[in-house]
Amino acid sequence: MVYYIIKILVSAILITLISEISKRSSFWGGVLASVPIVSVLAFIWLYLDTKSTAKIISLSYSIFWLVIPSLTLFLILPLLIKTGLNFFAALFISITAMILFYYIMIFILEKFGINI
């Protein structure tokens, strides 16, 4: 139980830290948010939980392929906000578009025999 509390606290602290730094500097907030901190933590937690390097390899490949459609969120969101759309509406549409691109990416990868 202590282990799960530590995992939650570390994750929450990182999110809060990035949010607070972003208030002062969007550049440094962006740098911290773009570094795959969550992925590295996921690797660490997964390895500590399973001791399986095969699971780490599989997760790493999945992250690699799925980063590509996730980038659509960062392109569509600012474009919609610049058009004057309400933030939450823009966020909802951007997330919906990102999910659609996830499905498209998975479909394309399966056509090339890549299973994630």
Protein backbone atom coordinates (compact mmCIF):
# COMPACT_ATOMS: atom_id res chain seq x y z
CA MET A 1 0.00 0.00 0.00
CA VAL A 2 2.86 2.38 0.81
CA TYR A 3 4.30 1.68 -2.64
CA TYR A 4 1.07 2.80 -4.35
CA ILE A 5 0.93 5.95 -2.23
CA ILE A 6 4.52 6.75 -3.25
CA LYS A 7 3.63 6.21 -6.93
CA ILE A 8 0.64 8.52 -6.64
CA LEU A 9 2.55 11.20 -4.74
CA VAL A 10 5.50 11.25 -7.14
CA SER A 11 3.16 11.46 -10.14
CA ALA A 12 1.03 14.20 -8.55
CA ILE A 13 4.09 16.22 -7.54
CA LEU A 14 5.45 16.13 -11.09
CA ILE A 15 2.15 17.29 -12.59
CA THR A 16 1.86 20.08 -10.02
CA LEU A 17 5.49 21.11 -10.56
CA ILE A 18 5.01 21.35 -14.33
CA SER A 19 1.80 23.33 -13.85
CA GLU A 20 3.43 25.80 -11.46
CA ILE A 21 6.52 26.26 -13.63
CA SER A 22 4.27 26.84 -16.66
CA LYS A 23 2.63 29.78 -14.88
CA ARG A 24 6.00 31.51 -14.79
CA SER A 25 7.47 30.29 -18.07
CA SER A 26 5.62 28.46 -20.81
CA PHE A 27 9.00 27.54 -22.30
CA TRP A 28 10.28 25.74 -19.20
CA GLY A 29 6.86 24.23 -18.54
CA GLY A 30 6.89 22.96 -22.11
CA VAL A 31 10.38 21.55 -21.73
CA LEU A 32 9.40 19.65 -18.60
CA ALA A 33 6.10 18.48 -20.07
CA SER A 34 7.77 17.34 -23.30
CA VAL A 35 10.38 15.25 -21.53
CA PRO A 36 8.90 11.77 -21.27
CA ILE A 37 8.79 11.89 -17.46
CA VAL A 38 5.54 9.95 -17.32
CA SER A 39 6.95 7.29 -19.64
CA VAL A 40 10.14 6.98 -17.60
CA LEU A 41 8.10 6.67 -14.41
CA ALA A 42 5.90 4.06 -16.11
CA PHE A 43 9.03 2.11 -17.07
CA ILE A 44 10.31 2.26 -13.51
CA TRP A 45 6.98 1.32 -11.91
CA LEU A 46 6.42 -1.49 -14.44
CA TYR A 47 9.90 -2.90 -13.95
CA LEU A 48 9.65 -2.75 -10.17
CA ASP A 49 6.24 -4.44 -10.34
CA THR A 50 7.11 -7.16 -12.88
CA LYS A 51 10.91 -7.32 -13.33
CA SER A 52 10.06 -7.95 -16.98
CA THR A 53 12.27 -6.28 -19.55
CA ALA A 54 10.00 -7.72 -22.26
CA LYS A 55 7.13 -5.64 -20.88
CA ILE A 56 9.39 -2.55 -20.88
CA ILE A 57 10.32 -3.18 -24.52
CA SER A 58 6.68 -3.62 -25.51
CA LEU A 59 5.61 -0.48 -23.63
CA SER A 60 8.45 1.50 -25.19
CA TYR A 61 7.44 0.52 -28.73
CA SER A 62 3.79 1.29 -27.99
CA ILE A 63 4.69 4.72 -26.65
CA PHE A 64 6.83 5.43 -29.70
CA TRP A 65 4.05 4.68 -32.17
CA LEU A 66 1.32 6.38 -30.14
CA VAL A 67 3.20 9.62 -29.59
CA ILE A 68 2.58 10.45 -33.23
CA PRO A 69 -1.24 10.68 -33.03
CA SER A 70 -1.02 12.37 -29.62
CA LEU A 71 0.74 15.30 -31.28
CA THR A 72 -2.51 16.24 -33.01
CA LEU A 73 -3.79 17.55 -29.66
CA PHE A 74 -0.96 20.07 -29.54
CA LEU A 75 -1.67 21.24 -33.08
CA ILE A 76 -5.45 21.40 -33.01
CA LEU A 77 -5.96 22.91 -29.53
CA PRO A 78 -4.12 26.20 -30.13
CA LEU A 79 -5.67 26.56 -33.59
CA LEU A 80 -9.18 26.22 -32.17
CA ILE A 81 -8.46 28.61 -29.31
CA LYS A 82 -7.05 31.19 -31.76
CA THR A 83 -10.34 31.05 -33.67
CA GLY A 84 -12.08 32.23 -30.50
CA LEU A 85 -13.54 28.91 -29.46
CA ASN A 86 -14.10 28.43 -25.73
CA PHE A 87 -11.16 26.66 -24.05
CA PHE A 88 -13.16 23.65 -22.84
CA ALA A 89 -14.90 23.21 -26.20
CA ALA A 90 -11.54 23.44 -27.97
CA LEU A 91 -10.05 20.95 -25.54
CA PHE A 92 -12.94 18.52 -26.03
CA ILE A 93 -12.70 18.73 -29.84
CA SER A 94 -8.92 18.38 -29.71
CA ILE A 95 -9.10 15.30 -27.50
CA THR A 96 -11.79 13.80 -29.73
CA ALA A 97 -9.64 14.40 -32.80
CA MET A 98 -6.64 12.89 -31.03
CA ILE A 99 -8.64 9.75 -30.19
CA LEU A 100 -9.69 9.49 -33.83
CA PHE A 101 -6.05 9.75 -34.89
CA TYR A 102 -5.16 7.01 -32.38
CA TYR A 103 -7.65 4.70 -34.10
CA ILE A 104 -6.30 5.66 -37.51
CA MET A 105 -2.72 5.02 -36.37
CA ILE A 106 -3.59 1.63 -34.89
CA PHE A 107 -5.40 0.70 -38.12
CA ILE A 108 -2.37 1.73 -40.23
CA LEU A 109 0.07 -0.11 -37.96
CA GLU A 110 -2.01 -3.28 -38.16
CA LYS A 111 -1.95 -3.04 -41.97
CA PHE A 112 1.86 -3.10 -41.76
CA GLY A 113 1.83 -6.00 -39.32
CA ILE A 114 2.87 -3.91 -36.33
CA ASN A 115 0.97 -4.90 -33.20
CA ILE A 116 1.17 -2.59 -30.23
